[in-house]
Amino acid sequence: MRYTRQLVFFAVFTVLSAPLAARSQTTNSICDKIAKLDSDVHEYLQPRWQDEELTPVDHRVLQQGTKAVPLLITCLSDERKTMVNGALWAEPTVGMVAFSMLWDLFTGCDGYDENGYGVSCRNTIKGVITWDDLCNEGPPDGILPCGAGWENHLKKYGRKSIQQSWQKAWTENKDRIYWDATGKCFRIKKTP
């Protein structure tokens, strides 16, 4: 009987402590780095994240290559506030910044202007919720239509809808995603 109680205690302890172990593994994640990011990057009509002066978070994301994509997707549901300033949002969250980074990383440009900013840019992944979609959900006469569109979308569909669209696209394409050094973006190889 004593052996059975010890076995049950050990099993319950193992099951209950598993989420704590997983939580401690994410303590130093990209989401935590974004939460601590204090920056004036990504002003309206400015370049993509990868075109700007890089922060330590940007360096970390780019160094991880395609491995960073699912990590950023995980951050999409993170509601913590961050100190990133930009014209697309008033009170940015980790999820919003991760969304912006993902969107930019999957935005390819045909060329660059004299300042090194991409021109003729378009998304390189299909089936995801985009900034264009979110901006259209905001009031057209508002000061921050994209940020308002983000909030409107969250109220209607929740954070998981954005995360699920990106997760689905990642799952369908992860073996074909590669970094295009010339376009400074992720692209998807065509299927044969």
N, C-alpha and C. Protein backbone atom coordinates (compact mmCIF):
# COMPACT_ATOMS: atom_id res chain seq x y z
N MET A 1 0.82 -1.19 0.00
CA MET A 1 0.00 0.00 0.00
C MET A 1 0.87 1.26 0.00
N ARG A 2 1.91 1.23 0.83
CA ARG A 2 2.80 2.39 0.89
C ARG A 2 3.49 2.60 -0.47
N TYR A 3 3.90 1.52 -1.11
CA TYR A 3 4.54 1.59 -2.41
C TYR A 3 3.58 2.21 -3.44
N THR A 4 2.30 1.84 -3.40
CA THR A 4 1.30 2.36 -4.32
C THR A 4 1.12 3.86 -4.11
N ARG A 5 1.07 4.31 -2.84
CA ARG A 5 0.93 5.74 -2.56
C ARG A 5 2.13 6.51 -3.10
N GLN A 6 3.31 5.97 -2.92
CA GLN A 6 4.52 6.64 -3.42
C GLN A 6 4.49 6.71 -4.93
N LEU A 7 4.07 5.65 -5.57
CA LEU A 7 3.99 5.61 -7.02
C LEU A 7 2.97 6.63 -7.53
N VAL A 8 1.80 6.70 -6.87
CA VAL A 8 0.77 7.67 -7.25
C VAL A 8 1.29 9.09 -7.03
N PHE A 9 1.93 9.35 -5.89
CA PHE A 9 2.49 10.67 -5.62
C PHE A 9 3.50 11.06 -6.70
N PHE A 10 4.39 10.13 -7.04
CA PHE A 10 5.41 10.41 -8.07
C PHE A 10 4.76 10.71 -9.41
N ALA A 11 3.73 9.93 -9.78
CA ALA A 11 3.04 10.15 -11.06
C ALA A 11 2.36 11.51 -11.09
N VAL A 12 1.65 11.84 -10.00
CA VAL A 12 0.97 13.14 -9.93
C VAL A 12 1.98 14.28 -9.96
N PHE A 13 3.06 14.15 -9.20
CA PHE A 13 4.11 15.17 -9.18
C PHE A 13 4.70 15.37 -10.57
N THR A 14 4.96 14.27 -11.28
CA THR A 14 5.53 14.36 -12.62
C THR A 14 4.59 15.08 -13.57
N VAL A 15 3.31 14.72 -13.52
CA VAL A 15 2.33 15.35 -14.41
C VAL A 15 2.18 16.83 -14.10
N LEU A 16 2.12 17.18 -12.82
CA LEU A 16 1.93 18.58 -12.44
C LEU A 16 3.18 19.43 -12.65
N SER A 17 4.35 18.84 -12.57
CA SER A 17 5.58 19.62 -12.72
C SER A 17 5.99 19.80 -14.17
N ALA A 18 5.43 19.02 -15.08
CA ALA A 18 5.80 19.13 -16.50
C ALA A 18 5.54 20.52 -17.06
N PRO A 19 4.36 21.13 -16.80
CA PRO A 19 4.16 22.49 -17.31
C PRO A 19 5.14 23.49 -16.71
N LEU A 20 5.55 23.29 -15.46
CA LEU A 20 6.52 24.20 -14.85
C LEU A 20 7.86 24.10 -15.54
N ALA A 21 8.27 22.88 -15.88
CA ALA A 21 9.53 22.70 -16.59
C ALA A 21 9.47 23.35 -17.96
N ALA A 22 8.35 23.18 -18.65
CA ALA A 22 8.20 23.79 -19.97
C ALA A 22 8.22 25.30 -19.86
N ARG A 23 7.57 25.84 -18.81
CA ARG A 23 7.54 27.29 -18.62
C ARG A 23 8.94 27.83 -18.35
N SER A 24 9.74 27.11 -17.58
CA SER A 24 11.09 27.59 -17.29
C SER A 24 11.98 27.55 -18.52
N GLN A 25 11.66 26.66 -19.46
CA GLN A 25 12.45 26.59 -20.68
C GLN A 25 12.21 27.81 -21.57
N THR A 26 11.04 28.43 -21.44
CA THR A 26 10.72 29.58 -22.29
C THR A 26 11.10 30.90 -21.63
N THR A 27 11.68 30.86 -20.44
CA THR A 27 12.03 32.07 -19.73
C THR A 27 12.92 32.97 -20.56
N ASN A 28 13.79 32.40 -21.35
CA ASN A 28 14.74 33.17 -22.14
C ASN A 28 14.38 33.15 -23.62
N SER A 29 13.11 33.01 -23.93
CA SER A 29 12.66 32.86 -25.31
C SER A 29 12.68 34.19 -26.07
N ILE A 30 12.42 34.08 -27.35
CA ILE A 30 12.30 35.28 -28.18
C ILE A 30 11.16 36.15 -27.66
N CYS A 31 10.08 35.53 -27.19
CA CYS A 31 8.94 36.30 -26.65
C CYS A 31 9.40 37.18 -25.48
N ASP A 32 10.22 36.62 -24.60
CA ASP A 32 10.73 37.39 -23.47
C ASP A 32 11.64 38.52 -23.94
N LYS A 33 12.44 38.25 -24.96
CA LYS A 33 13.32 39.29 -25.51
C LYS A 33 12.49 40.42 -26.12
N ILE A 34 11.43 40.06 -26.83
CA ILE A 34 10.56 41.09 -27.43
C ILE A 34 9.89 41.90 -26.33
N ALA A 35 9.47 41.24 -25.25
CA ALA A 35 8.81 41.95 -24.14
C ALA A 35 9.74 43.00 -23.54
N LYS A 36 11.04 42.74 -23.55
CA LYS A 36 12.01 43.66 -22.97
C LYS A 36 12.57 44.65 -23.99
N LEU A 37 12.18 44.49 -25.25
CA LEU A 37 12.69 45.35 -26.31
C LEU A 37 12.20 46.77 -26.12
N ASP A 38 13.13 47.72 -26.11
CA ASP A 38 12.81 49.14 -25.97
C ASP A 38 13.42 49.83 -27.17
N SER A 39 12.59 50.20 -28.14
CA SER A 39 13.14 50.65 -29.40
C SER A 39 12.19 51.61 -30.11
N ASP A 40 12.74 52.42 -30.96
CA ASP A 40 11.96 53.30 -31.82
C ASP A 40 11.98 52.79 -33.25
N VAL A 41 12.04 51.50 -33.42
CA VAL A 41 12.12 50.94 -34.77
C VAL A 41 10.76 50.82 -35.40
N HIS A 42 10.76 50.59 -36.67
CA HIS A 42 9.60 50.27 -37.48
C HIS A 42 8.57 51.40 -37.50
N GLU A 43 9.02 52.56 -37.87
CA GLU A 43 8.10 53.68 -38.06
C GLU A 43 7.31 53.48 -39.34
N TYR A 44 6.15 54.12 -39.42
CA TYR A 44 5.27 53.98 -40.57
C TYR A 44 6.00 54.31 -41.87
N LEU A 45 5.77 53.48 -42.87
CA LEU A 45 6.39 53.60 -44.20
C LEU A 45 7.91 53.50 -44.16
N GLN A 46 8.43 52.87 -43.16
CA GLN A 46 9.86 52.62 -43.07
C GLN A 46 10.11 51.20 -43.51
N PRO A 47 11.34 50.79 -43.50
CA PRO A 47 11.69 49.46 -44.01
C PRO A 47 11.18 48.33 -43.12
N ARG A 48 11.38 47.14 -43.66
CA ARG A 48 11.06 45.94 -42.90
C ARG A 48 12.03 45.81 -41.72
N TRP A 49 11.69 44.97 -40.76
CA TRP A 49 12.57 44.76 -39.60
C TRP A 49 13.97 44.42 -40.05
N GLN A 50 14.09 43.55 -41.02
CA GLN A 50 15.41 43.10 -41.45
C GLN A 50 16.18 44.17 -42.23
N ASP A 51 15.54 45.27 -42.61
CA ASP A 51 16.21 46.35 -43.31
C ASP A 51 16.69 47.45 -42.37
N GLU A 52 16.21 47.45 -41.15
CA GLU A 52 16.54 48.51 -40.20
C GLU A 52 17.82 48.19 -39.44
N GLU A 53 18.25 49.16 -38.64
CA GLU A 53 19.37 48.92 -37.75
C GLU A 53 18.94 47.81 -36.80
N LEU A 54 19.72 46.77 -36.73
CA LEU A 54 19.30 45.59 -36.00
C LEU A 54 19.49 45.71 -34.50
N THR A 55 18.48 45.24 -33.77
CA THR A 55 18.56 45.14 -32.31
C THR A 55 19.08 43.74 -31.98
N PRO A 56 19.43 43.49 -30.73
CA PRO A 56 19.84 42.13 -30.36
C PRO A 56 18.76 41.08 -30.67
N VAL A 57 17.48 41.45 -30.56
CA VAL A 57 16.41 40.52 -30.87
C VAL A 57 16.43 40.19 -32.36
N ASP A 58 16.58 41.21 -33.20
CA ASP A 58 16.61 40.99 -34.64
C ASP A 58 17.79 40.10 -35.03
N HIS A 59 18.96 40.35 -34.43
CA HIS A 59 20.13 39.51 -34.70
C HIS A 59 19.83 38.07 -34.34
N ARG A 60 19.21 37.87 -33.17
CA ARG A 60 18.92 36.51 -32.71
C ARG A 60 17.95 35.82 -33.66
N VAL A 61 16.92 36.53 -34.08
CA VAL A 61 15.93 35.96 -35.00
C VAL A 61 16.61 35.58 -36.31
N LEU A 62 17.37 36.48 -36.89
CA LEU A 62 18.00 36.21 -38.17
C LEU A 62 19.05 35.10 -38.08
N GLN A 63 19.75 35.01 -36.97
CA GLN A 63 20.74 33.95 -36.78
C GLN A 63 20.08 32.58 -36.72
N GLN A 64 18.87 32.51 -36.20
CA GLN A 64 18.19 31.22 -36.08
C GLN A 64 17.59 30.75 -37.39
N GLY A 65 17.50 31.64 -38.36
CA GLY A 65 16.95 31.24 -39.66
C GLY A 65 15.52 30.76 -39.53
N THR A 66 15.19 29.70 -40.27
CA THR A 66 13.81 29.20 -40.27
C THR A 66 13.37 28.69 -38.91
N LYS A 67 14.30 28.37 -38.03
CA LYS A 67 13.94 27.92 -36.68
C LYS A 67 13.25 29.03 -35.89
N ALA A 68 13.46 30.27 -36.29
CA ALA A 68 12.83 31.40 -35.59
C ALA A 68 11.34 31.50 -35.92
N VAL A 69 10.92 30.99 -37.06
CA VAL A 69 9.52 31.15 -37.48
C VAL A 69 8.55 30.52 -36.47
N PRO A 70 8.69 29.25 -36.08
CA PRO A 70 7.74 28.72 -35.11
C PRO A 70 7.86 29.39 -33.74
N LEU A 71 9.05 29.89 -33.41
CA LEU A 71 9.21 30.61 -32.14
C LEU A 71 8.42 31.92 -32.16
N LEU A 72 8.48 32.63 -33.28
CA LEU A 72 7.70 33.87 -33.41
C LEU A 72 6.21 33.56 -33.44
N ILE A 73 5.82 32.45 -34.08
CA ILE A 73 4.41 32.07 -34.11
C ILE A 73 3.91 31.83 -32.69
N THR A 74 4.74 31.23 -31.85
CA THR A 74 4.37 31.01 -30.45
C THR A 74 4.10 32.34 -29.75
N CYS A 75 4.85 33.37 -30.11
CA CYS A 75 4.70 34.68 -29.46
C CYS A 75 3.42 35.41 -29.86
N LEU A 76 2.75 34.99 -30.93
CA LEU A 76 1.58 35.71 -31.43
C LEU A 76 0.45 35.83 -30.42
N SER A 77 0.37 34.92 -29.47
CA SER A 77 -0.71 35.00 -28.48
C SER A 77 -0.26 35.66 -27.17
N ASP A 78 0.95 36.20 -27.15
CA ASP A 78 1.51 36.83 -25.95
C ASP A 78 0.96 38.25 -25.81
N GLU A 79 0.26 38.50 -24.72
CA GLU A 79 -0.40 39.79 -24.48
C GLU A 79 0.44 40.79 -23.70
N ARG A 80 1.67 40.44 -23.33
CA ARG A 80 2.49 41.38 -22.56
C ARG A 80 2.80 42.63 -23.38
N LYS A 81 2.85 43.75 -22.71
CA LYS A 81 3.20 45.02 -23.36
C LYS A 81 4.70 45.08 -23.60
N THR A 82 5.09 45.79 -24.65
CA THR A 82 6.50 46.00 -24.95
C THR A 82 6.70 47.49 -25.22
N MET A 83 7.93 47.92 -25.27
CA MET A 83 8.23 49.35 -25.41
C MET A 83 8.62 49.74 -26.83
N VAL A 84 8.24 48.95 -27.81
CA VAL A 84 8.54 49.29 -29.20
C VAL A 84 7.63 50.42 -29.62
N ASN A 85 8.20 51.47 -30.17
CA ASN A 85 7.41 52.61 -30.65
C ASN A 85 7.31 52.53 -32.16
N GLY A 86 6.14 52.81 -32.68
CA GLY A 86 5.94 52.80 -34.12
C GLY A 86 4.58 53.37 -34.45
N ALA A 87 4.40 53.74 -35.69
CA ALA A 87 3.16 54.38 -36.08
C ALA A 87 2.03 53.40 -36.36
N LEU A 88 2.30 52.10 -36.34
CA LEU A 88 1.23 51.14 -36.58
C LEU A 88 0.45 50.81 -35.32
N TRP A 89 0.98 51.16 -34.17
CA TRP A 89 0.34 50.76 -32.91
C TRP A 89 0.52 51.82 -31.84
N ALA A 90 -0.42 51.83 -30.90
CA ALA A 90 -0.32 52.76 -29.78
C ALA A 90 0.29 52.07 -28.57
N GLU A 91 -0.20 50.90 -28.21
CA GLU A 91 0.32 50.14 -27.08
C GLU A 91 0.68 48.74 -27.57
N PRO A 92 1.85 48.57 -28.11
CA PRO A 92 2.20 47.28 -28.72
C PRO A 92 2.37 46.17 -27.69
N THR A 93 1.95 44.99 -28.10
CA THR A 93 2.15 43.80 -27.28
C THR A 93 3.23 42.95 -27.94
N VAL A 94 3.70 41.97 -27.22
CA VAL A 94 4.69 41.03 -27.77
C VAL A 94 4.10 40.37 -29.01
N GLY A 95 2.82 39.98 -28.94
CA GLY A 95 2.19 39.33 -30.08
C GLY A 95 2.15 40.20 -31.31
N MET A 96 1.86 41.48 -31.12
CA MET A 96 1.80 42.41 -32.24
C MET A 96 3.19 42.61 -32.87
N VAL A 97 4.21 42.73 -32.05
CA VAL A 97 5.58 42.90 -32.56
C VAL A 97 6.03 41.62 -33.27
N ALA A 98 5.72 40.46 -32.68
CA ALA A 98 6.08 39.18 -33.33
C ALA A 98 5.37 39.06 -34.67
N PHE A 99 4.11 39.50 -34.73
CA PHE A 99 3.36 39.48 -35.99
C PHE A 99 4.04 40.37 -37.03
N SER A 100 4.43 41.55 -36.61
CA SER A 100 5.10 42.47 -37.51
C SER A 100 6.42 41.89 -38.02
N MET A 101 7.16 41.24 -37.13
CA MET A 101 8.43 40.63 -37.54
C MET A 101 8.18 39.50 -38.53
N LEU A 102 7.20 38.63 -38.24
CA LEU A 102 6.89 37.54 -39.17
C LEU A 102 6.48 38.09 -40.53
N TRP A 103 5.59 39.06 -40.50
CA TRP A 103 5.11 39.64 -41.76
C TRP A 103 6.28 40.20 -42.57
N ASP A 104 7.14 40.95 -41.91
CA ASP A 104 8.28 41.53 -42.61
C ASP A 104 9.24 40.46 -43.12
N LEU A 105 9.47 39.43 -42.32
CA LEU A 105 10.40 38.37 -42.74
C LEU A 105 9.87 37.59 -43.93
N PHE A 106 8.56 37.61 -44.13
CA PHE A 106 7.95 36.96 -45.29
C PHE A 106 7.48 38.00 -46.31
N THR A 107 8.16 39.14 -46.36
CA THR A 107 7.88 40.16 -47.36
C THR A 107 9.12 40.35 -48.22
N GLY A 108 8.98 40.04 -49.49
CA GLY A 108 10.09 40.16 -50.43
C GLY A 108 9.98 41.43 -51.24
N CYS A 109 11.12 42.01 -51.56
CA CYS A 109 11.16 43.25 -52.33
C CYS A 109 11.91 43.01 -53.63
N ASP A 110 11.46 43.71 -54.68
CA ASP A 110 12.11 43.57 -55.99
C ASP A 110 13.40 44.35 -56.08
N GLY A 111 13.57 45.35 -55.26
CA GLY A 111 14.77 46.17 -55.31
C GLY A 111 14.86 47.04 -54.07
N TYR A 112 15.86 47.90 -54.06
CA TYR A 112 16.09 48.78 -52.92
C TYR A 112 16.37 50.19 -53.39
N ASP A 113 15.89 51.17 -52.62
CA ASP A 113 16.16 52.56 -52.99
C ASP A 113 17.54 52.98 -52.49
N GLU A 114 17.86 54.27 -52.67
CA GLU A 114 19.18 54.78 -52.30
C GLU A 114 19.47 54.68 -50.80
N ASN A 115 18.43 54.54 -49.98
CA ASN A 115 18.61 54.40 -48.54
C ASN A 115 18.67 52.94 -48.09
N GLY A 116 18.53 52.03 -49.05
CA GLY A 116 18.56 50.61 -48.72
C GLY A 116 17.21 50.05 -48.31
N TYR A 117 16.13 50.83 -48.51
CA TYR A 117 14.80 50.36 -48.17
C TYR A 117 14.22 49.61 -49.36
N GLY A 118 13.49 48.53 -49.06
CA GLY A 118 12.89 47.73 -50.12
C GLY A 118 11.81 48.48 -50.86
N VAL A 119 11.73 48.23 -52.16
CA VAL A 119 10.67 48.80 -53.00
C VAL A 119 9.94 47.66 -53.70
N SER A 120 8.71 47.90 -54.08
CA SER A 120 7.86 46.88 -54.71
C SER A 120 7.85 45.61 -53.87
N CYS A 121 7.44 45.75 -52.64
CA CYS A 121 7.45 44.62 -51.71
C CYS A 121 6.08 43.93 -51.67
N ARG A 122 6.11 42.61 -51.51
CA ARG A 122 4.88 41.83 -51.38
C ARG A 122 5.15 40.58 -50.56
N ASN A 123 4.08 40.01 -50.02
CA ASN A 123 4.28 38.86 -49.14
C ASN A 123 4.70 37.63 -49.93
N THR A 124 5.42 36.74 -49.26
CA THR A 124 5.96 35.55 -49.91
C THR A 124 5.33 34.27 -49.37
N ILE A 125 4.33 34.40 -48.51
CA ILE A 125 3.64 33.24 -47.95
C ILE A 125 2.14 33.48 -48.06
N LYS A 126 1.42 32.47 -48.45
CA LYS A 126 -0.03 32.59 -48.64
C LYS A 126 -0.77 31.95 -47.47
N GLY A 127 -2.01 32.41 -47.28
CA GLY A 127 -2.88 31.80 -46.29
C GLY A 127 -2.74 32.34 -44.88
N VAL A 128 -2.01 33.44 -44.71
CA VAL A 128 -1.86 34.01 -43.38
C VAL A 128 -2.63 35.33 -43.29
N ILE A 129 -2.98 35.71 -42.08
CA ILE A 129 -3.57 37.02 -41.86
C ILE A 129 -2.44 38.03 -42.01
N THR A 130 -2.69 39.10 -42.77
CA THR A 130 -1.65 40.07 -43.10
C THR A 130 -1.94 41.42 -42.46
N TRP A 131 -0.92 42.30 -42.49
CA TRP A 131 -1.14 43.66 -42.01
C TRP A 131 -2.19 44.34 -42.87
N ASP A 132 -2.20 44.05 -44.18
CA ASP A 132 -3.21 44.65 -45.05
C ASP A 132 -4.61 44.26 -44.58
N ASP A 133 -4.78 42.98 -44.23
CA ASP A 133 -6.08 42.53 -43.72
C ASP A 133 -6.45 43.30 -42.46
N LEU A 134 -5.51 43.39 -41.53
CA LEU A 134 -5.79 44.05 -40.25
C LEU A 134 -6.02 45.54 -40.42
N CYS A 135 -5.23 46.19 -41.28
CA CYS A 135 -5.42 47.63 -41.51
C CYS A 135 -6.82 47.90 -42.09
N ASN A 136 -7.30 46.99 -42.93
CA ASN A 136 -8.64 47.14 -43.50
C ASN A 136 -9.74 46.95 -42.47
N GLU A 137 -9.44 46.29 -41.35
CA GLU A 137 -10.42 46.12 -40.28
C GLU A 137 -10.48 47.35 -39.37
N GLY A 138 -9.52 48.24 -39.52
CA GLY A 138 -9.50 49.46 -38.72
C GLY A 138 -10.30 50.56 -39.39
N PRO A 139 -10.62 51.63 -38.65
CA PRO A 139 -11.36 52.75 -39.25
C PRO A 139 -10.48 53.48 -40.26
N PRO A 140 -11.00 53.74 -41.46
CA PRO A 140 -10.19 54.38 -42.49
C PRO A 140 -9.77 55.80 -42.15
N ASP A 141 -10.53 56.46 -41.28
CA ASP A 141 -10.22 57.83 -40.92
C ASP A 141 -9.52 57.94 -39.56
N GLY A 142 -9.15 56.81 -39.00
CA GLY A 142 -8.51 56.82 -37.69
C GLY A 142 -7.05 57.20 -37.77
N ILE A 143 -6.48 57.54 -36.63
CA ILE A 143 -5.07 57.92 -36.56
C ILE A 143 -4.18 56.70 -36.74
N LEU A 144 -4.56 55.59 -36.12
CA LEU A 144 -3.78 54.35 -36.20
C LEU A 144 -4.68 53.23 -36.72
N PRO A 145 -5.03 53.23 -38.02
CA PRO A 145 -5.99 52.23 -38.52
C PRO A 145 -5.49 50.79 -38.37
N CYS A 146 -4.20 50.57 -38.50
CA CYS A 146 -3.67 49.20 -38.39
C CYS A 146 -3.74 48.70 -36.96
N GLY A 147 -3.37 49.54 -36.02
CA GLY A 147 -3.47 49.16 -34.62
C GLY A 147 -4.91 48.94 -34.21
N ALA A 148 -5.81 49.81 -34.70
CA ALA A 148 -7.24 49.65 -34.41
C ALA A 148 -7.77 48.38 -35.08
N GLY A 149 -7.28 48.10 -36.29
CA GLY A 149 -7.68 46.87 -36.98
C GLY A 149 -7.22 45.64 -36.23
N TRP A 150 -6.02 45.70 -35.66
CA TRP A 150 -5.51 44.60 -34.83
C TRP A 150 -6.47 44.37 -33.66
N GLU A 151 -6.81 45.45 -32.95
CA GLU A 151 -7.70 45.34 -31.80
C GLU A 151 -9.08 44.84 -32.20
N ASN A 152 -9.62 45.36 -33.32
CA ASN A 152 -10.93 44.90 -33.80
C ASN A 152 -10.90 43.41 -34.12
N HIS A 153 -9.83 42.98 -34.76
CA HIS A 153 -9.70 41.56 -35.11
C HIS A 153 -9.65 40.70 -33.84
N LEU A 154 -8.88 41.13 -32.86
CA LEU A 154 -8.77 40.37 -31.62
C LEU A 154 -10.12 40.27 -30.91
N LYS A 155 -10.88 41.35 -30.93
CA LYS A 155 -12.20 41.33 -30.28
C LYS A 155 -13.14 40.35 -30.97
N LYS A 156 -13.09 40.31 -32.30
CA LYS A 156 -13.98 39.44 -33.07
C LYS A 156 -13.54 37.98 -33.03
N TYR A 157 -12.24 37.73 -33.24
CA TYR A 157 -11.77 36.37 -33.48
C TYR A 157 -10.76 35.85 -32.46
N GLY A 158 -10.18 36.74 -31.66
CA GLY A 158 -9.20 36.33 -30.67
C GLY A 158 -7.79 36.20 -31.25
N ARG A 159 -6.82 36.14 -30.37
CA ARG A 159 -5.41 36.03 -30.76
C ARG A 159 -5.11 34.73 -31.47
N LYS A 160 -5.82 33.70 -31.08
CA LYS A 160 -5.54 32.37 -31.65
C LYS A 160 -5.80 32.34 -33.15
N SER A 161 -6.71 33.16 -33.66
CA SER A 161 -7.00 33.12 -35.10
C SER A 161 -5.77 33.54 -35.90
N ILE A 162 -5.07 34.54 -35.43
CA ILE A 162 -3.85 34.98 -36.11
C ILE A 162 -2.79 33.90 -35.99
N GLN A 163 -2.63 33.39 -34.79
CA GLN A 163 -1.63 32.35 -34.55
C GLN A 163 -1.94 31.10 -35.39
N GLN A 164 -3.20 30.71 -35.46
CA GLN A 164 -3.57 29.52 -36.22
C GLN A 164 -3.32 29.69 -37.71
N SER A 165 -3.57 30.89 -38.25
CA SER A 165 -3.32 31.09 -39.68
C SER A 165 -1.83 30.94 -40.00
N TRP A 166 -0.99 31.48 -39.13
CA TRP A 166 0.46 31.36 -39.33
C TRP A 166 0.95 29.94 -39.07
N GLN A 167 0.38 29.29 -38.05
CA GLN A 167 0.78 27.92 -37.75
C GLN A 167 0.44 26.99 -38.91
N LYS A 168 -0.74 27.17 -39.48
CA LYS A 168 -1.17 26.34 -40.61
C LYS A 168 -0.23 26.55 -41.81
N ALA A 169 0.08 27.80 -42.11
CA ALA A 169 0.98 28.09 -43.23
C ALA A 169 2.38 27.51 -42.97
N TRP A 170 2.85 27.61 -41.72
CA TRP A 170 4.15 27.05 -41.35
C TRP A 170 4.14 25.53 -41.53
N THR A 171 3.12 24.87 -41.01
CA THR A 171 3.03 23.41 -41.09
C THR A 171 3.01 22.94 -42.54
N GLU A 172 2.28 23.65 -43.38
CA GLU A 172 2.16 23.26 -44.79
C GLU A 172 3.44 23.52 -45.59
N ASN A 173 4.26 24.48 -45.16
CA ASN A 173 5.39 24.91 -45.97
C ASN A 173 6.77 24.77 -45.32
N LYS A 174 6.85 24.33 -44.08
CA LYS A 174 8.11 24.41 -43.32
C LYS A 174 9.29 23.73 -44.02
N ASP A 175 9.05 22.67 -44.76
CA ASP A 175 10.15 21.98 -45.43
C ASP A 175 10.60 22.69 -46.71
N ARG A 176 9.82 23.69 -47.14
CA ARG A 176 10.16 24.40 -48.38
C ARG A 176 10.57 25.85 -48.14
N ILE A 177 10.58 26.29 -46.89
CA ILE A 177 10.93 27.68 -46.58
C ILE A 177 12.44 27.83 -46.54
N TYR A 178 12.93 28.88 -47.18
CA TYR A 178 14.37 29.15 -47.20
C TYR A 178 14.59 30.66 -47.13
N TRP A 179 15.80 31.06 -46.73
CA TRP A 179 16.16 32.47 -46.65
C TRP A 179 16.74 32.91 -47.99
N ASP A 180 16.15 33.92 -48.58
CA ASP A 180 16.64 34.51 -49.83
C ASP A 180 17.53 35.69 -49.44
N ALA A 181 18.84 35.52 -49.55
CA ALA A 181 19.79 36.55 -49.12
C ALA A 181 19.66 37.81 -49.98
N THR A 182 19.35 37.65 -51.25
CA THR A 182 19.21 38.81 -52.12
C THR A 182 17.98 39.64 -51.74
N GLY A 183 16.85 38.99 -51.54
CA GLY A 183 15.63 39.68 -51.17
C GLY A 183 15.51 39.94 -49.68
N LYS A 184 16.44 39.41 -48.90
CA LYS A 184 16.43 39.53 -47.44
C LYS A 184 15.07 39.17 -46.86
N CYS A 185 14.59 37.97 -47.22
CA CYS A 185 13.30 37.50 -46.72
C CYS A 185 13.22 35.99 -46.83
N PHE A 186 12.24 35.42 -46.15
CA PHE A 186 11.95 34.01 -46.32
C PHE A 186 11.07 33.86 -47.55
N ARG A 187 11.35 32.83 -48.31
CA ARG A 187 10.53 32.49 -49.48
C ARG A 187 10.18 31.01 -49.39
N ILE A 188 9.26 30.60 -50.23
CA ILE A 188 8.84 29.21 -50.25
C ILE A 188 9.19 28.62 -51.61
N LYS A 189 9.95 27.51 -51.59
CA LYS A 189 10.29 26.82 -52.84
C LYS A 189 9.02 26.28 -53.46
N LYS A 190 8.97 26.38 -54.77
CA LYS A 190 7.82 25.84 -55.49
C LYS A 190 7.86 24.33 -55.45
N THR A 191 6.68 23.71 -55.40
CA THR A 191 6.63 22.26 -55.42
C THR A 191 6.84 21.78 -56.85
N PRO A 192 7.55 20.65 -56.99
CA PRO A 192 7.82 20.14 -58.35
C PRO A 192 6.58 19.69 -59.06
